[in-house]
Amino acid sequence: MGRERYERRGGDDPAGYRNGHQSPVAVKTTMGPVELSRPKLRDTDERFCSQLFGTGVTRTAALEALVISAWVRGLSDRDIEAALAEVLGAEAALSRSTVSRICSQLRDEFVRFSENDLSKLRLDYLYLDGANFKMHEHARPEPVLVAWGIDTEGHPHLVAMEAATSESADAWGDFRAGLKSRCLRAPLLVISDGAPGLIVAIEVQFPQSLRQRCVIHYVESRIMWTRGSNARFRRTSSCSNPHNHRPSKKASSSSGGR
């Protein structure tokens, strides 16, 4: 209503007033169900909207995030329903249909994100990289190819994200083709690591763009190479140093006898 408690309505204030509370509503959270009493409004067509939970919310975003996290890790709708009932109790658990609906909404959002038009996006810097994740328990890590960039006004954008079987030239080529089909314009500078397949895809897709190797990847590779070289040097020095060779017990006893 935009007014304090018991404050009278002014001439420019919206119509309506509070008149008691509605029946308590249970909001499911990661800590169990919480009962809320929503104010009842009179003489207005507007619904009460909580600044904390919004309008008509029956579960928190944290609980939905927990469901999504379990689904991404390979749990089925039935397994998620049983796990929530076991941990949070039957009153706070979500039904199998609700779990399926939450996951379907996430899938639909990702499809829309993967197909949105990029023709109006003007990037100065485009970053391309892959990160390995275990999609399921006891499975080998698989790469997820990611593209994000900085536009001409300095704002960051997550451009694309796609699961792949490897970081080969073919995999990055398919990823590149997806960006092309969405009409992404060539950026001023493309930043990547030194993966050969990725470099080939960049040179084919963005031949007019400048390319720079990621400084962080370069420094990390130099550190790993230096550590390996130092370890090999220490092993070589230890073997070639005559002071590190102790005489055998047989040789010591022979010299002591003389």
Protein backbone atom coordinates (compact mmCIF):
# COMPACT_ATOMS: atom_id res chain seq x y z
CA MET A 1 0.00 0.00 0.00
CA GLY A 2 3.01 2.29 0.42
CA ARG A 3 1.87 3.44 3.86
CA GLU A 4 3.00 2.78 7.41
CA ARG A 5 0.85 0.84 9.84
CA TYR A 6 -2.33 2.78 10.80
CA GLU A 7 -1.36 5.60 8.44
CA ARG A 8 -4.32 7.19 6.64
CA ARG A 9 -4.45 7.25 2.87
CA GLY A 10 -3.54 10.51 1.21
CA GLY A 11 -5.09 11.96 -1.91
CA ASP A 12 -2.45 10.53 -4.26
CA ASP A 13 -2.08 7.17 -2.50
CA PRO A 14 -3.56 4.03 -4.11
CA ALA A 15 -6.92 2.81 -2.90
CA GLY A 16 -7.27 -0.09 -0.50
CA TYR A 17 -6.38 -0.94 3.07
CA ARG A 18 -5.24 -3.84 5.21
CA ASN A 19 -7.89 -5.87 6.97
CA GLY A 20 -6.45 -8.70 9.03
CA HIS A 21 -4.51 -11.64 7.63
CA GLN A 22 -5.13 -14.50 5.27
CA SER A 23 -4.86 -18.10 6.38
CA PRO A 24 -1.23 -19.07 7.11
CA VAL A 25 0.71 -20.37 4.12
CA ALA A 26 3.55 -22.89 4.43
CA VAL A 27 6.66 -21.93 2.50
CA LYS A 28 9.05 -24.82 1.97
CA THR A 29 12.69 -23.98 2.69
CA THR A 30 15.98 -25.85 3.07
CA MET A 31 15.44 -25.69 6.85
CA GLY A 32 11.94 -27.13 6.72
CA PRO A 33 8.47 -25.56 6.28
CA VAL A 34 7.89 -22.01 7.54
CA GLU A 35 4.36 -20.65 8.07
CA LEU A 36 3.68 -17.10 6.91
CA SER A 37 0.65 -14.91 7.53
CA ARG A 38 -0.01 -12.65 4.56
CA PRO A 39 -1.98 -9.40 5.06
CA LYS A 40 -5.49 -9.31 3.64
CA LEU A 41 -6.31 -6.32 1.39
CA ARG A 42 -9.69 -4.68 0.87
CA ASP A 43 -11.11 -2.29 -1.76
CA THR A 44 -8.32 -2.98 -4.25
CA ASP A 45 -7.62 -5.37 -7.11
CA GLU A 46 -3.90 -5.62 -6.25
CA ARG A 47 -2.51 -8.69 -4.52
CA PHE A 48 -0.16 -8.47 -1.57
CA CYS A 49 3.44 -8.92 -2.68
CA SER A 50 6.05 -9.80 -0.07
CA GLN A 51 9.38 -8.01 -0.53
CA LEU A 52 11.10 -11.16 0.74
CA PHE A 53 9.21 -13.96 -1.08
CA GLY A 54 7.20 -12.19 -3.79
CA THR A 55 3.65 -13.13 -4.78
CA GLY A 56 2.32 -16.64 -4.32
CA VAL A 57 5.69 -18.21 -3.49
CA THR A 58 5.46 -21.66 -1.86
CA ARG A 59 9.17 -22.56 -1.90
CA THR A 60 12.41 -20.62 -1.62
CA ALA A 61 15.01 -20.14 -4.33
CA ALA A 62 17.56 -21.97 -2.14
CA LEU A 63 15.38 -25.09 -2.15
CA GLU A 64 15.04 -24.93 -5.94
CA ALA A 65 18.82 -24.54 -6.22
CA LEU A 66 19.23 -27.67 -4.08
CA VAL A 67 16.92 -29.60 -6.42
CA ILE A 68 18.82 -28.38 -9.50
CA SER A 69 22.16 -29.27 -7.95
CA ALA A 70 20.99 -32.83 -7.26
CA TRP A 71 19.53 -33.15 -10.76
CA VAL A 72 22.74 -31.94 -12.41
CA ARG A 73 24.66 -34.60 -10.46
CA GLY A 74 22.56 -37.31 -12.05
CA LEU A 75 19.81 -38.01 -9.50
CA SER A 76 16.43 -38.92 -10.89
CA ASP A 77 13.20 -37.14 -9.94
CA ARG A 78 12.25 -40.06 -7.70
CA ASP A 79 15.66 -40.01 -5.94
CA ILE A 80 15.46 -36.24 -5.33
CA GLU A 81 11.96 -36.57 -3.90
CA ALA A 82 13.09 -39.35 -1.53
CA ALA A 83 16.27 -37.48 -0.48
CA LEU A 84 14.36 -34.28 0.38
CA ALA A 85 11.77 -36.23 2.35
CA GLU A 86 14.51 -38.01 4.30
CA VAL A 87 16.53 -34.87 5.09
CA LEU A 88 13.86 -32.16 5.44
CA GLY A 89 10.83 -34.21 6.43
CA ALA A 90 7.64 -35.03 4.57
CA GLU A 91 6.15 -31.53 5.09
CA ALA A 92 9.11 -29.77 3.46
CA ALA A 93 9.67 -32.29 0.67
CA LEU A 94 8.71 -31.63 -2.93
CA SER A 95 6.68 -34.02 -5.01
CA ARG A 96 8.14 -35.80 -8.01
CA SER A 97 6.05 -33.68 -10.39
CA THR A 98 7.32 -30.47 -8.78
CA VAL A 99 10.92 -31.64 -9.07
CA SER A 100 10.33 -32.49 -12.73
CA ARG A 101 8.75 -29.09 -13.36
CA ILE A 102 11.70 -27.24 -11.77
CA CYS A 103 14.21 -29.18 -13.87
CA SER A 104 12.14 -28.69 -17.03
CA GLN A 105 12.10 -24.94 -16.45
CA LEU A 106 15.88 -24.96 -16.11
CA ARG A 107 16.21 -26.97 -19.33
CA ASP A 108 13.92 -24.57 -21.18
CA GLU A 109 15.87 -21.55 -19.91
CA PHE A 110 19.14 -23.09 -21.10
CA VAL A 111 17.65 -23.83 -24.54
CA ARG A 112 16.53 -20.20 -24.87
CA PHE A 113 19.96 -19.01 -23.75
CA SER A 114 21.67 -21.30 -26.28
CA GLU A 115 19.52 -20.07 -29.16
CA ASN A 116 19.26 -16.33 -28.50
CA ASP A 117 20.37 -13.94 -31.23
CA LEU A 118 23.88 -12.44 -30.84
CA SER A 119 23.82 -10.10 -33.84
CA LYS A 120 23.42 -6.99 -31.65
CA LEU A 121 26.25 -7.95 -29.30
CA ARG A 122 29.42 -5.98 -30.02
CA LEU A 123 32.40 -7.48 -28.19
CA ASP A 124 35.84 -6.03 -27.78
CA TYR A 125 37.19 -9.11 -25.99
CA LEU A 126 36.10 -12.72 -26.35
CA TYR A 127 37.39 -15.38 -23.96
CA LEU A 128 37.26 -19.06 -24.97
CA ASP A 129 38.12 -21.88 -22.60
CA GLY A 130 37.13 -25.36 -21.53
CA ALA A 131 36.73 -26.79 -18.02
CA ASN A 132 36.48 -30.48 -17.12
CA PHE A 133 33.67 -31.74 -14.89
CA LYS A 134 32.51 -35.15 -13.73
CA MET A 135 28.94 -35.41 -15.00
CA HIS A 136 28.29 -38.59 -13.01
CA GLU A 137 29.97 -40.48 -10.20
CA HIS A 138 32.74 -42.87 -11.32
CA ALA A 139 32.75 -41.24 -14.77
CA ARG A 140 35.74 -39.63 -16.39
CA PRO A 141 35.76 -35.80 -16.48
CA GLU A 142 34.30 -34.28 -19.62
CA PRO A 143 34.92 -30.75 -20.89
CA VAL A 144 32.41 -27.92 -20.96
CA LEU A 145 33.26 -25.31 -23.60
CA VAL A 146 32.56 -21.72 -22.58
CA ALA A 147 32.61 -18.34 -24.30
CA TRP A 148 32.25 -15.05 -22.46
CA GLY A 149 33.20 -11.53 -23.40
CA ILE A 150 33.41 -7.82 -22.66
CA ASP A 151 31.36 -5.50 -24.86
CA THR A 152 32.36 -2.07 -26.15
CA GLU A 153 30.89 -0.43 -23.04
CA GLY A 154 32.81 -2.65 -20.61
CA HIS A 155 29.92 -4.93 -19.60
CA PRO A 156 30.56 -8.71 -19.19
CA HIS A 157 28.44 -11.27 -21.07
CA LEU A 158 28.19 -15.04 -20.87
CA VAL A 159 27.95 -15.80 -24.59
CA ALA A 160 27.72 -19.58 -24.90
CA MET A 161 28.24 -22.81 -22.98
CA GLU A 162 28.17 -26.35 -24.33
CA ALA A 163 29.16 -29.83 -23.16
CA ALA A 164 31.62 -31.72 -25.37
CA THR A 165 33.47 -35.02 -25.41
CA SER A 166 36.90 -33.42 -25.88
CA GLU A 167 38.69 -30.15 -26.65
CA SER A 168 39.69 -31.27 -30.12
CA ALA A 169 39.59 -29.14 -33.26
CA ASP A 170 36.30 -30.81 -34.25
CA ALA A 171 34.67 -30.06 -30.88
CA TRP A 172 35.75 -26.43 -30.95
CA GLY A 173 34.71 -26.27 -34.60
CA ASP A 174 31.16 -27.32 -33.71
CA PHE A 175 31.17 -24.77 -30.88
CA ARG A 176 32.39 -22.12 -33.33
CA ALA A 177 29.65 -23.07 -35.81
CA GLY A 178 27.07 -22.50 -33.09
CA LEU A 179 28.36 -18.98 -32.48
CA LYS A 180 28.29 -18.31 -36.22
CA SER A 181 24.70 -19.54 -36.58
CA ARG A 182 23.72 -17.09 -33.83
CA CYS A 183 25.33 -14.24 -35.83
CA LEU A 184 28.11 -13.34 -33.38
CA ARG A 185 30.29 -10.58 -34.81
CA ALA A 186 34.06 -10.85 -34.82
CA PRO A 187 35.59 -9.30 -31.67
CA LEU A 188 38.64 -7.10 -31.55
CA LEU A 189 40.66 -9.62 -29.52
CA VAL A 190 40.21 -13.34 -28.76
CA ILE A 191 41.89 -14.72 -25.62
CA SER A 192 42.46 -18.44 -25.15
CA ASP A 193 44.92 -21.01 -23.87
CA GLY A 194 47.41 -22.80 -26.11
CA ALA A 195 45.21 -25.81 -27.01
CA PRO A 196 45.89 -26.59 -30.71
CA GLY A 197 42.26 -27.42 -31.49
CA LEU A 198 41.05 -24.15 -30.03
CA ILE A 199 43.66 -22.12 -31.91
CA VAL A 200 42.60 -23.70 -35.21
CA ALA A 201 38.93 -22.92 -34.52
CA ILE A 202 39.75 -19.28 -33.68
CA GLU A 203 41.79 -18.78 -36.85
CA VAL A 204 38.97 -20.22 -38.97
CA GLN A 205 36.06 -18.39 -37.31
CA PHE A 206 37.73 -15.05 -36.54
CA PRO A 207 40.58 -14.61 -39.04
CA GLN A 208 40.43 -10.80 -38.82
CA SER A 209 40.53 -10.72 -34.99
CA LEU A 210 43.69 -10.44 -32.94
CA ARG A 211 44.52 -13.45 -30.78
CA GLN A 212 46.31 -13.50 -27.43
CA ARG A 213 47.26 -16.39 -25.20
CA CYS A 214 45.73 -16.16 -21.74
CA VAL A 215 48.34 -14.80 -19.32
CA ILE A 216 47.05 -16.93 -16.43
CA HIS A 217 47.28 -20.13 -18.46
CA TYR A 218 50.75 -19.15 -19.66
CA VAL A 219 52.05 -18.41 -16.14
CA GLU A 220 50.57 -21.63 -14.75
CA SER A 221 52.19 -23.69 -17.51
CA ARG A 222 55.55 -22.00 -16.90
CA ILE A 223 55.30 -22.70 -13.16
CA MET A 224 54.49 -26.38 -13.76
CA TRP A 225 57.33 -26.67 -16.27
CA THR A 226 59.77 -25.00 -13.84
CA ARG A 227 58.77 -27.30 -10.99
CA GLY A 228 59.25 -30.35 -13.20
CA SER A 229 62.63 -29.09 -14.42
CA ASN A 230 63.80 -28.42 -10.86
CA ALA A 231 62.76 -31.91 -9.76
CA ARG A 232 64.63 -33.49 -12.69
CA PHE A 233 67.68 -31.31 -11.92
CA ARG A 234 67.70 -32.38 -8.27
CA ARG A 235 67.50 -36.05 -9.21
CA THR A 236 70.32 -35.64 -11.75
CA SER A 237 72.51 -33.71 -9.29
CA SER A 238 71.96 -36.30 -6.59
CA CYS A 239 73.09 -39.11 -8.89
CA SER A 240 76.17 -37.27 -10.19
CA ASN A 241 77.45 -35.96 -6.82
CA PRO A 242 80.19 -38.33 -5.53
CA HIS A 243 79.66 -37.18 -1.93
CA ASN A 244 76.15 -38.62 -2.00
CA HIS A 245 77.48 -42.17 -2.58
CA ARG A 246 78.16 -43.99 0.66
CA PRO A 247 80.57 -47.00 0.67
CA SER A 248 78.98 -50.37 1.06
CA LYS A 249 79.33 -52.37 4.26
CA LYS A 250 81.64 -54.83 2.51
CA ALA A 251 84.00 -52.05 1.39
CA SER A 252 84.00 -50.49 4.86
CA SER A 253 84.93 -53.73 6.58
CA SER A 254 87.70 -54.37 4.08
CA SER A 255 89.32 -50.98 4.61
CA GLY A 256 89.03 -51.34 8.38
CA GLY A 257 90.91 -54.64 8.30
CA ARG A 258 93.83 -53.08 6.48
